[in-house]
Amino acid sequence: MDKQELGAFLRSRRERLRPEDVGLPSGSRRRTPGLRREEVAVLAHISTEYYVRLEQGRAPRPSGEVLAGIGGALRLTDAESDHLHVLAGTAPSRTGLHRRDVRPSILALLERLPQTAAFVTSAAFEVLAWNDLAAALMEDFAELAPEDRNLARRAFLGSARADATPYGISDAAEFRHHVVTGLRSTLARYPSDPAVIKLVDELRDASPEFARLWERHDVQAAPMLTKTFRHPVVGEITVDCDSLTLTDRDQHLVLYSAPPGSPGAEALALLNVLGAECVNASRSL
């Protein structure tokens, strides 16, 4: 049970709610945003004293029934409710290291998708494997040191590179929010993984934007169904974005594709011909 993180998460969810959101009268003007602790306690059918102790990190582990009541009172989403249980120690938690080895069948699949830019990421947003089209669309990850293949670092610490927006994507703000929510869930699943801890600490120290988003305690981002890249060679490319969870290794297979005959499909076909070397040369100019 991570008492301090649990308390911070509960405060962040309580402060985002208005009384009218939960069917309570707004009453007189409030000095602080959100519901009062006693209001949450009443809605969750627990004592105010116990809820206060939970937020202060002083309470013993709550039962599943209590957590369900609090989740309902705070109007938590399914993802937020799952995160609450992980923090309280009532859900399975991976205590080891997140996996970086990719299944051979997935590696073979990447090469069987010539019209789709495909790559595999770890739970900490490390790019573990990729096909040639992904290298041509984004960058040749083979030319990078392993620590530079991390999309979280690319998203928040990329200003020292050629462009501050990773790969010229149009939804950079949404992607950064997605990264933060993903890393928060990853840290809850792997609380003792030194690589995950180091990455989060590095980003919090070096990026005010990451630190600001981290303090929001969000654990669910809106799905990214399409993405537009501003590519240095072929211009704008709009693709469909699909992310498939590889459950056994806690990894994701990300696929960027385009409908046949669309401008996006034509641009991807051109990139297939040009290859990553031509693209890397253009980025260095």
C-alpha atoms as a PDB file:
ATOM      1  CA  MET A   1       0.000   0.000   0.000  1.00  0.00           C
ATOM      2  CA  ASP A   2       1.438   3.351  -1.090  1.00  0.00           C
ATOM      3  CA  LYS A   3      -0.201   5.556   1.533  1.00  0.00           C
ATOM      4  CA  GLN A   4       1.215   8.882   0.356  1.00  0.00           C
ATOM      5  CA  GLU A   5       0.399   8.314  -3.312  1.00  0.00           C
ATOM      6  CA  LEU A   6      -3.052   7.005  -2.384  1.00  0.00           C
ATOM      7  CA  GLY A   7      -3.756  10.153  -0.363  1.00  0.00           C
ATOM      8  CA  ALA A   8      -2.528  12.426  -3.157  1.00  0.00           C
ATOM      9  CA  PHE A   9      -4.665  10.588  -5.712  1.00  0.00           C
ATOM     10  CA  LEU A  10      -7.788  10.856  -3.553  1.00  0.00           C
ATOM     11  CA  ARG A  11      -7.216  14.602  -3.043  1.00  0.00           C
ATOM     12  CA  SER A  12      -6.740  15.180  -6.763  1.00  0.00           C
ATOM     13  CA  ARG A  13      -9.988  13.348  -7.608  1.00  0.00           C
ATOM     14  CA  ARG A  14     -11.945  15.094  -4.840  1.00  0.00           C
ATOM     15  CA  GLU A  15     -10.766  18.560  -5.842  1.00  0.00           C
ATOM     16  CA  ARG A  16     -11.903  18.169  -9.447  1.00  0.00           C
ATOM     17  CA  LEU A  17     -15.555  17.568  -8.479  1.00  0.00           C
ATOM     18  CA  ARG A  18     -18.233  20.173  -7.885  1.00  0.00           C
ATOM     19  CA  PRO A  19     -21.112  19.581  -5.460  1.00  0.00           C
ATOM     20  CA  GLU A  20     -23.621  19.616  -8.321  1.00  0.00           C
ATOM     21  CA  ASP A  21     -21.644  16.821 -10.010  1.00  0.00           C
ATOM     22  CA  VAL A  22     -22.705  14.453  -7.234  1.00  0.00           C
ATOM     23  CA  GLY A  23     -26.200  15.828  -6.592  1.00  0.00           C
ATOM     24  CA  LEU A  24     -25.309  18.136  -3.691  1.00  0.00           C
ATOM     25  CA  PRO A  25     -26.316  21.805  -3.417  1.00  0.00           C
ATOM     26  CA  SER A  26     -23.456  24.180  -4.147  1.00  0.00           C
ATOM     27  CA  GLY A  27     -24.293  26.280  -1.083  1.00  0.00           C
ATOM     28  CA  SER A  28     -22.139  29.209  -0.061  1.00  0.00           C
ATOM     29  CA  ARG A  29     -18.920  30.102  -1.827  1.00  0.00           C
ATOM     30  CA  ARG A  30     -16.125  27.642  -1.061  1.00  0.00           C
ATOM     31  CA  ARG A  31     -12.611  28.645  -0.146  1.00  0.00           C
ATOM     32  CA  THR A  32     -11.052  25.649  -1.929  1.00  0.00           C
ATOM     33  CA  PRO A  33     -12.073  23.799  -5.098  1.00  0.00           C
ATOM     34  CA  GLY A  34     -13.883  20.507  -5.086  1.00  0.00           C
ATOM     35  CA  LEU A  35     -15.920  18.567  -2.575  1.00  0.00           C
ATOM     36  CA  ARG A  36     -15.319  18.729   1.144  1.00  0.00           C
ATOM     37  CA  ARG A  37     -13.852  15.628   2.787  1.00  0.00           C
ATOM     38  CA  GLU A  38     -16.978  15.147   4.890  1.00  0.00           C
ATOM     39  CA  GLU A  39     -19.100  15.182   1.730  1.00  0.00           C
ATOM     40  CA  VAL A  40     -17.030  12.405   0.193  1.00  0.00           C
ATOM     41  CA  ALA A  41     -17.270  10.416   3.417  1.00  0.00           C
ATOM     42  CA  VAL A  42     -21.071  10.697   3.481  1.00  0.00           C
ATOM     43  CA  LEU A  43     -21.331   9.644  -0.171  1.00  0.00           C
ATOM     44  CA  ALA A  44     -18.953   6.703   0.417  1.00  0.00           C
ATOM     45  CA  HIS A  45     -20.768   5.648   3.645  1.00  0.00           C
ATOM     46  CA  ILE A  46     -17.630   5.855   5.781  1.00  0.00           C
ATOM     47  CA  SER A  47     -16.637   8.095   8.672  1.00  0.00           C
ATOM     48  CA  THR A  48     -15.162  11.503   7.954  1.00  0.00           C
ATOM     49  CA  GLU A  49     -12.277  10.764  10.331  1.00  0.00           C
ATOM     50  CA  TYR A  50     -11.283   7.655   8.396  1.00  0.00           C
ATOM     51  CA  TYR A  51     -11.456   9.402   5.028  1.00  0.00           C
ATOM     52  CA  VAL A  52      -9.346  12.291   6.336  1.00  0.00           C
ATOM     53  CA  ARG A  53      -6.749   9.807   7.560  1.00  0.00           C
ATOM     54  CA  LEU A  54      -6.720   8.153   4.125  1.00  0.00           C
ATOM     55  CA  GLU A  55      -5.948  11.469   2.423  1.00  0.00           C
ATOM     56  CA  GLN A  56      -3.266  12.213   5.013  1.00  0.00           C
ATOM     57  CA  GLY A  57      -1.599   8.829   4.501  1.00  0.00           C
ATOM     58  CA  ARG A  58      -2.287   7.699   8.084  1.00  0.00           C
ATOM     59  CA  ALA A  59      -5.032   5.090   7.645  1.00  0.00           C
ATOM     60  CA  PRO A  60      -4.682   1.315   7.500  1.00  0.00           C
ATOM     61  CA  ARG A  61      -5.403  -0.478   4.245  1.00  0.00           C
ATOM     62  CA  PRO A  62      -9.052   0.008   3.220  1.00  0.00           C
ATOM     63  CA  SER A  63     -11.189  -2.953   2.265  1.00  0.00           C
ATOM     64  CA  GLY A  64     -12.425  -3.558  -1.250  1.00  0.00           C
ATOM     65  CA  GLU A  65     -15.915  -2.522  -0.140  1.00  0.00           C
ATOM     66  CA  VAL A  66     -14.622   0.788   1.209  1.00  0.00           C
ATOM     67  CA  LEU A  67     -12.660   1.445  -1.971  1.00  0.00           C
ATOM     68  CA  ALA A  68     -15.743   0.722  -4.061  1.00  0.00           C
ATOM     69  CA  GLY A  69     -17.700   3.245  -2.006  1.00  0.00           C
ATOM     70  CA  ILE A  70     -14.997   5.881  -2.373  1.00  0.00           C
ATOM     71  CA  GLY A  71     -14.729   5.198  -6.104  1.00  0.00           C
ATOM     72  CA  GLY A  72     -18.451   5.719  -6.505  1.00  0.00           C
ATOM     73  CA  ALA A  73     -18.406   8.882  -4.399  1.00  0.00           C
ATOM     74  CA  LEU A  74     -15.576  10.371  -6.463  1.00  0.00           C
ATOM     75  CA  ARG A  75     -17.135   9.255  -9.780  1.00  0.00           C
ATOM     76  CA  LEU A  76     -13.987   7.365 -10.772  1.00  0.00           C
ATOM     77  CA  THR A  77     -13.688   5.819 -14.213  1.00  0.00           C
ATOM     78  CA  ASP A  78     -12.855   2.126 -14.537  1.00  0.00           C
ATOM     79  CA  ALA A  79      -9.188   2.973 -15.125  1.00  0.00           C
ATOM     80  CA  GLU A  80      -9.103   5.303 -12.112  1.00  0.00           C
ATOM     81  CA  SER A  81     -10.820   2.700  -9.939  1.00  0.00           C
ATOM     82  CA  ASP A  82      -8.262   0.079 -10.979  1.00  0.00           C
ATOM     83  CA  HIS A  83      -5.459   2.525 -10.140  1.00  0.00           C
ATOM     84  CA  LEU A  84      -7.022   3.184  -6.726  1.00  0.00           C
ATOM     85  CA  HIS A  85      -6.997  -0.534  -5.942  1.00  0.00           C
ATOM     86  CA  VAL A  86      -3.370  -0.854  -7.063  1.00  0.00           C
ATOM     87  CA  LEU A  87      -2.306   2.006  -4.781  1.00  0.00           C
ATOM     88  CA  ALA A  88      -4.226   0.521  -1.867  1.00  0.00           C
ATOM     89  CA  GLY A  89      -2.538  -2.832  -2.348  1.00  0.00           C
ATOM     90  CA  THR A  90      -5.767  -4.700  -3.069  1.00  0.00           C
ATOM     91  CA  ALA A  91      -4.900  -5.517  -6.688  1.00  0.00           C
ATOM     92  CA  PRO A  92      -2.053  -7.626  -8.080  1.00  0.00           C
ATOM     93  CA  SER A  93       1.139  -5.577  -8.338  1.00  0.00           C
ATOM     94  CA  ARG A  94       4.232  -6.501 -10.323  1.00  0.00           C
ATOM     95  CA  THR A  95       7.142  -6.107  -7.962  1.00  0.00           C
ATOM     96  CA  GLY A  96       9.900  -6.974 -10.428  1.00  0.00           C
ATOM     97  CA  LEU A  97      11.167  -5.235 -13.554  1.00  0.00           C
ATOM     98  CA  HIS A  98       9.154  -4.416 -16.633  1.00  0.00           C
ATOM     99  CA  ARG A  99      10.042  -6.632 -19.572  1.00  0.00           C
ATOM    100  CA  ARG A 100      12.070  -5.431 -22.554  1.00  0.00           C
ATOM    101  CA  ASP A 101      12.399  -8.666 -24.526  1.00  0.00           C
ATOM    102  CA  VAL A 102       9.991  -8.892 -27.462  1.00  0.00           C
ATOM    103  CA  ARG A 103       8.454 -12.207 -28.519  1.00  0.00           C
ATOM    104  CA  PRO A 104      10.043 -13.616 -31.704  1.00  0.00           C
ATOM    105  CA  SER A 105       6.600 -13.961 -33.277  1.00  0.00           C
ATOM    106  CA  ILE A 106       6.006 -10.226 -32.816  1.00  0.00           C
ATOM    107  CA  LEU A 107       9.404  -9.413 -34.332  1.00  0.00           C
ATOM    108  CA  ALA A 108       8.481 -11.525 -37.350  1.00  0.00           C
ATOM    109  CA  LEU A 109       5.079  -9.839 -37.569  1.00  0.00           C
ATOM    110  CA  LEU A 110       6.679  -6.396 -37.806  1.00  0.00           C
ATOM    111  CA  GLU A 111       8.437  -7.423 -41.002  1.00  0.00           C
ATOM    112  CA  ARG A 112       5.232  -8.830 -42.492  1.00  0.00           C
ATOM    113  CA  LEU A 113       3.554  -5.403 -42.398  1.00  0.00           C
ATOM    114  CA  PRO A 114       5.247  -3.565 -45.298  1.00  0.00           C
ATOM    115  CA  GLN A 115       2.443  -0.983 -45.661  1.00  0.00           C
ATOM    116  CA  THR A 116       2.149  -0.287 -41.945  1.00  0.00           C
ATOM    117  CA  ALA A 117       4.574   1.554 -39.697  1.00  0.00           C
ATOM    118  CA  ALA A 118       4.802  -0.736 -36.674  1.00  0.00           C
ATOM    119  CA  PHE A 119       6.832  -0.748 -33.470  1.00  0.00           C
ATOM    120  CA  VAL A 120       6.749  -2.218 -29.974  1.00  0.00           C
ATOM    121  CA  THR A 121       7.024  -0.174 -26.780  1.00  0.00           C
ATOM    122  CA  SER A 122       7.675  -1.260 -23.225  1.00  0.00           C
ATOM    123  CA  ALA A 123       5.589  -0.224 -20.238  1.00  0.00           C
ATOM    124  CA  ALA A 124       8.033   2.692 -19.842  1.00  0.00           C
ATOM    125  CA  PHE A 125       7.650   3.900 -23.471  1.00  0.00           C
ATOM    126  CA  GLU A 126      10.941   2.437 -24.676  1.00  0.00           C
ATOM    127  CA  VAL A 127      10.899   1.552 -28.388  1.00  0.00           C
ATOM    128  CA  LEU A 128      12.018  -2.074 -28.313  1.00  0.00           C
ATOM    129  CA  ALA A 129      11.505  -3.143 -31.929  1.00  0.00           C
ATOM    130  CA  TRP A 130      10.381  -1.520 -35.176  1.00  0.00           C
ATOM    131  CA  ASN A 131      10.072  -2.133 -38.889  1.00  0.00           C
ATOM    132  CA  ASP A 132      11.642  -0.160 -41.728  1.00  0.00           C
ATOM    133  CA  LEU A 133       8.566   1.979 -42.367  1.00  0.00           C
ATOM    134  CA  ALA A 134       8.400   3.068 -38.719  1.00  0.00           C
ATOM    135  CA  ALA A 135      12.055   4.140 -38.975  1.00  0.00           C
ATOM    136  CA  ALA A 136      11.298   6.097 -42.155  1.00  0.00           C
ATOM    137  CA  LEU A 137       8.217   7.769 -40.658  1.00  0.00           C
ATOM    138  CA  MET A 138       9.703   8.636 -37.254  1.00  0.00           C
ATOM    139  CA  GLU A 139      13.480   8.113 -37.062  1.00  0.00           C
ATOM    140  CA  ASP A 140      15.990   5.298 -37.404  1.00  0.00           C
ATOM    141  CA  PHE A 141      16.015   4.004 -33.858  1.00  0.00           C
ATOM    142  CA  ALA A 142      19.007   1.787 -34.690  1.00  0.00           C
ATOM    143  CA  GLU A 143      21.119   4.955 -34.874  1.00  0.00           C
ATOM    144  CA  LEU A 144      20.186   5.938 -31.307  1.00  0.00           C
ATOM    145  CA  ALA A 145      21.535   4.834 -27.960  1.00  0.00           C
ATOM    146  CA  PRO A 146      18.964   2.694 -26.096  1.00  0.00           C
ATOM    147  CA  GLU A 147      18.150   5.490 -23.618  1.00  0.00           C
ATOM    148  CA  ASP A 148      17.353   7.821 -26.534  1.00  0.00           C
ATOM    149  CA  ARG A 149      14.745   5.422 -27.908  1.00  0.00           C
ATOM    150  CA  ASN A 150      12.351   6.366 -25.131  1.00  0.00           C
ATOM    151  CA  LEU A 151       9.247   8.192 -26.393  1.00  0.00           C
ATOM    152  CA  ALA A 152       8.632   9.803 -23.004  1.00  0.00           C
ATOM    153  CA  ARG A 153      12.037  11.489 -23.122  1.00  0.00           C
ATOM    154  CA  ARG A 154      11.423  12.382 -26.762  1.00  0.00           C
ATOM    155  CA  ALA A 155       8.099  14.006 -25.873  1.00  0.00           C
ATOM    156  CA  PHE A 156       9.287  16.097 -22.922  1.00  0.00           C
ATOM    157  CA  LEU A 157      13.037  16.536 -23.378  1.00  0.00           C
ATOM    158  CA  GLY A 158      13.181  16.933 -27.145  1.00  0.00           C
ATOM    159  CA  SER A 159      13.650  20.720 -27.275  1.00  0.00           C
ATOM    160  CA  ALA A 160      17.420  20.321 -27.537  1.00  0.00           C
ATOM    161  CA  ARG A 161      16.927  18.326 -30.722  1.00  0.00           C
ATOM    162  CA  ALA A 162      15.929  19.512 -34.182  1.00  0.00           C
ATOM    163  CA  ASP A 163      12.297  20.089 -33.238  1.00  0.00           C
ATOM    164  CA  ALA A 164      10.478  20.469 -29.938  1.00  0.00           C
ATOM    165  CA  THR A 165       7.419  18.587 -31.242  1.00  0.00           C
ATOM    166  CA  PRO A 166       8.175  14.857 -31.460  1.00  0.00           C
ATOM    167  CA  TYR A 167       8.197  13.826 -35.126  1.00  0.00           C
ATOM    168  CA  GLY A 168       6.111  16.856 -36.059  1.00  0.00           C
ATOM    169  CA  ILE A 169       2.908  15.235 -34.750  1.00  0.00           C
ATOM    170  CA  SER A 170      -0.179  17.429 -34.655  1.00  0.00           C
ATOM    171  CA  ASP A 171      -1.428  16.098 -31.303  1.00  0.00           C
ATOM    172  CA  ALA A 172       1.727  16.690 -29.269  1.00  0.00           C
ATOM    173  CA  ALA A 173      -0.175  17.929 -26.204  1.00  0.00           C
ATOM    174  CA  GLU A 174      -2.476  14.907 -26.215  1.00  0.00           C
ATOM    175  CA  PHE A 175       0.467  12.568 -26.660  1.00  0.00           C
ATOM    176  CA  ARG A 176       2.306  14.116 -23.690  1.00  0.00           C
ATOM    177  CA  HIS A 177      -0.798  13.634 -21.546  1.00  0.00           C
ATOM    178  CA  HIS A 178      -0.980  10.023 -22.737  1.00  0.00           C
ATOM    179  CA  VAL A 179       2.666   9.514 -21.735  1.00  0.00           C
ATOM    180  CA  VAL A 180       2.124  10.900 -18.228  1.00  0.00           C
ATOM    181  CA  THR A 181      -0.962   8.781 -17.550  1.00  0.00           C
ATOM    182  CA  GLY A 182       0.821   5.716 -18.879  1.00  0.00           C
ATOM    183  CA  LEU A 183       3.890   6.260 -16.716  1.00  0.00           C
ATOM    184  CA  ARG A 184       1.766   6.828 -13.615  1.00  0.00           C
ATOM    185  CA  SER A 185       0.062   3.466 -14.141  1.00  0.00           C
ATOM    186  CA  THR A 186       3.415   1.829 -14.882  1.00  0.00           C
ATOM    187  CA  LEU A 187       4.960   3.155 -11.667  1.00  0.00           C
ATOM    188  CA  ALA A 188       2.007   1.786  -9.703  1.00  0.00           C
ATOM    189  CA  ARG A 189       2.553  -1.654 -11.283  1.00  0.00           C
ATOM    190  CA  TYR A 190       6.350  -1.626 -10.915  1.00  0.00           C
ATOM    191  CA  PRO A 191       7.017   0.465  -7.781  1.00  0.00           C
ATOM    192  CA  SER A 192      10.485  -1.047  -7.249  1.00  0.00           C
ATOM    193  CA  ASP A 193      11.741  -0.954 -10.863  1.00  0.00           C
ATOM    194  CA  PRO A 194      14.777   1.378 -10.782  1.00  0.00           C
ATOM    195  CA  ALA A 195      14.504   2.186 -14.501  1.00  0.00           C
ATOM    196  CA  VAL A 196      10.906   3.364 -14.125  1.00  0.00           C
ATOM    197  CA  ILE A 197      11.684   5.335 -10.960  1.00  0.00           C
ATOM    198  CA  LYS A 198      14.697   6.984 -12.601  1.00  0.00           C
ATOM    199  CA  LEU A 199      12.718   7.941 -15.705  1.00  0.00           C
ATOM    200  CA  VAL A 200       9.883   9.536 -13.755  1.00  0.00           C
ATOM    201  CA  ASP A 201      12.310  11.421 -11.482  1.00  0.00           C
ATOM    202  CA  GLU A 202      14.306  12.620 -14.506  1.00  0.00           C
ATOM    203  CA  LEU A 203      11.222  13.930 -16.274  1.00  0.00           C
ATOM    204  CA  ARG A 204       9.821  15.607 -13.155  1.00  0.00           C
ATOM    205  CA  ASP A 205      13.129  17.393 -12.552  1.00  0.00           C
ATOM    206  CA  ALA A 206      13.861  18.392 -16.158  1.00  0.00           C
ATOM    207  CA  SER A 207      10.406  19.187 -17.544  1.00  0.00           C
ATOM    208  CA  PRO A 208       8.034  21.663 -15.840  1.00  0.00           C
ATOM    209  CA  GLU A 209       5.302  20.486 -18.217  1.00  0.00           C
ATOM    210  CA  PHE A 210       5.719  16.868 -17.134  1.00  0.00           C
ATOM    211  CA  ALA A 211       5.757  17.923 -13.467  1.00  0.00           C
ATOM    212  CA  ARG A 212       2.545  19.919 -13.946  1.00  0.00           C
ATOM    213  CA  LEU A 213       0.748  17.037 -15.646  1.00  0.00           C
ATOM    214  CA  TRP A 214       2.084  14.545 -13.088  1.00  0.00           C
ATOM    215  CA  GLU A 215       0.520  16.489 -10.227  1.00  0.00           C
ATOM    216  CA  ARG A 216      -2.906  16.090 -11.838  1.00  0.00           C
ATOM    217  CA  HIS A 217      -2.836  12.359 -10.985  1.00  0.00           C
ATOM    218  CA  ASP A 218      -4.695  11.426 -14.173  1.00  0.00           C
ATOM    219  CA  VAL A 219      -4.584   7.749 -15.076  1.00  0.00           C
ATOM    220  CA  GLN A 220      -6.676   7.656 -18.238  1.00  0.00           C
ATOM    221  CA  ALA A 221      -6.083   9.546 -21.457  1.00  0.00           C
ATOM    222  CA  ALA A 222      -8.387   9.875 -24.449  1.00  0.00           C
ATOM    223  CA  PRO A 223      -7.681   7.262 -27.141  1.00  0.00           C
ATOM    224  CA  MET A 224      -5.665   8.438 -30.146  1.00  0.00           C
ATOM    225  CA  LEU A 225      -7.457   7.081 -33.211  1.00  0.00           C
ATOM    226  CA  THR A 226      -5.673   9.118 -35.884  1.00  0.00           C
ATOM    227  CA  LYS A 227      -2.397  10.995 -35.986  1.00  0.00           C
ATOM    228  CA  THR A 228      -0.895  13.521 -38.404  1.00  0.00           C
ATOM    229  CA  PHE A 229       2.874  13.705 -38.901  1.00  0.00           C
ATOM    230  CA  ARG A 230       4.567  16.721 -40.466  1.00  0.00           C
ATOM    231  CA  HIS A 231       7.286  14.819 -42.267  1.00  0.00           C
ATOM    232  CA  PRO A 232      10.430  16.595 -43.567  1.00  0.00           C
ATOM    233  CA  VAL A 233      10.362  14.748 -46.902  1.00  0.00           C
ATOM    234  CA  VAL A 234       6.770  13.907 -47.844  1.00  0.00           C
ATOM    235  CA  GLY A 235       4.891  16.587 -45.895  1.00  0.00           C
ATOM    236  CA  GLU A 236       1.776  15.895 -43.828  1.00  0.00           C
ATOM    237  CA  ILE A 237       0.777  12.260 -43.378  1.00  0.00           C
ATOM    238  CA  THR A 238      -2.475  11.378 -41.633  1.00  0.00           C
ATOM    239  CA  VAL A 239      -2.659   7.779 -40.435  1.00  0.00           C
ATOM    240  CA  ASP A 240      -4.915   5.565 -38.377  1.00  0.00           C
ATOM    241  CA  CYS A 241      -3.410   4.819 -34.976  1.00  0.00           C
ATOM    242  CA  ASP A 242      -3.974   1.460 -33.286  1.00  0.00           C
ATOM    243  CA  SER A 243      -2.283   0.202 -30.126  1.00  0.00           C
ATOM    244  CA  LEU A 244      -2.567  -3.468 -29.218  1.00  0.00           C
ATOM    245  CA  THR A 245      -1.661  -4.646 -25.725  1.00  0.00           C
ATOM    246  CA  LEU A 246       0.746  -7.589 -25.497  1.00  0.00           C
ATOM    247  CA  THR A 247      -0.537  -8.669 -22.113  1.00  0.00           C
ATOM    248  CA  ASP A 248       2.012 -11.353 -21.270  1.00  0.00           C
ATOM    249  CA  ARG A 249       4.908  -8.860 -21.380  1.00  0.00           C
ATOM    250  CA  ASP A 250       3.067  -5.619 -20.577  1.00  0.00           C
ATOM    251  CA  GLN A 251       4.078  -4.135 -23.938  1.00  0.00           C
ATOM    252  CA  HIS A 252       2.245  -2.409 -26.777  1.00  0.00           C
ATOM    253  CA  LEU A 253       2.300  -3.018 -30.509  1.00  0.00           C
ATOM    254  CA  VAL A 254       1.636   0.351 -32.179  1.00  0.00           C
ATOM    255  CA  LEU A 255       0.399   0.392 -35.780  1.00  0.00           C
ATOM    256  CA  TYR A 256       0.204   3.403 -38.106  1.00  0.00           C
ATOM    257  CA  SER A 257      -1.668   2.621 -41.319  1.00  0.00           C
ATOM    258  CA  ALA A 258      -3.855   4.351 -43.913  1.00  0.00           C
ATOM    259  CA  PRO A 259      -6.819   3.266 -46.053  1.00  0.00           C
ATOM    260  CA  PRO A 260      -5.839   2.066 -49.553  1.00  0.00           C
ATOM    261  CA  GLY A 261      -5.842   4.867 -52.092  1.00  0.00           C
ATOM    262  CA  SER A 262      -5.776   7.621 -49.475  1.00  0.00           C
ATOM    263  CA  PRO A 263      -3.129  10.390 -49.456  1.00  0.00           C
ATOM    264  CA  GLY A 264      -1.754   8.836 -46.275  1.00  0.00           C
ATOM    265  CA  ALA A 265      -1.321   5.457 -47.962  1.00  0.00           C
ATOM    266  CA  GLU A 266       0.453   7.093 -50.913  1.00  0.00           C
ATOM    267  CA  ALA A 267       2.805   8.944 -48.550  1.00  0.00           C
ATOM    268  CA  LEU A 268       3.606   5.748 -46.639  1.00  0.00           C
ATOM    269  CA  ALA A 269       4.302   3.966 -49.928  1.00  0.00           C
ATOM    270  CA  LEU A 270       6.711   6.738 -50.896  1.00  0.00           C
ATOM    271  CA  LEU A 271       8.472   6.465 -47.528  1.00  0.00           C
ATOM    272  CA  ASN A 272       8.803   2.728 -48.074  1.00  0.00           C
ATOM    273  CA  VAL A 273      10.774   3.486 -51.227  1.00  0.00           C
ATOM    274  CA  LEU A 274      12.877   6.300 -49.740  1.00  0.00           C
ATOM    275  CA  GLY A 275      13.818   4.399 -46.593  1.00  0.00           C
ATOM    276  CA  ALA A 276      15.130   5.651 -43.282  1.00  0.00           C
ATOM    277  CA  GLU A 277      18.552   6.759 -44.546  1.00  0.00           C
ATOM    278  CA  CYS A 278      17.091   9.435 -46.831  1.00  0.00           C
ATOM    279  CA  VAL A 279      14.817  10.647 -44.040  1.00  0.00           C
ATOM    280  CA  ASN A 280      17.669  10.848 -41.527  1.00  0.00           C
ATOM    281  CA  ALA A 281      19.685  12.911 -43.977  1.00  0.00           C
ATOM    282  CA  SER A 282      16.831  15.377 -44.397  1.00  0.00           C
ATOM    283  CA  ARG A 283      16.366  15.735 -40.629  1.00  0.00           C
ATOM    284  CA  SER A 284      20.027  16.625 -40.173  1.00  0.00           C
ATOM    285  CA  LEU A 285      19.904  19.518 -42.663  1.00  0.00           C
END
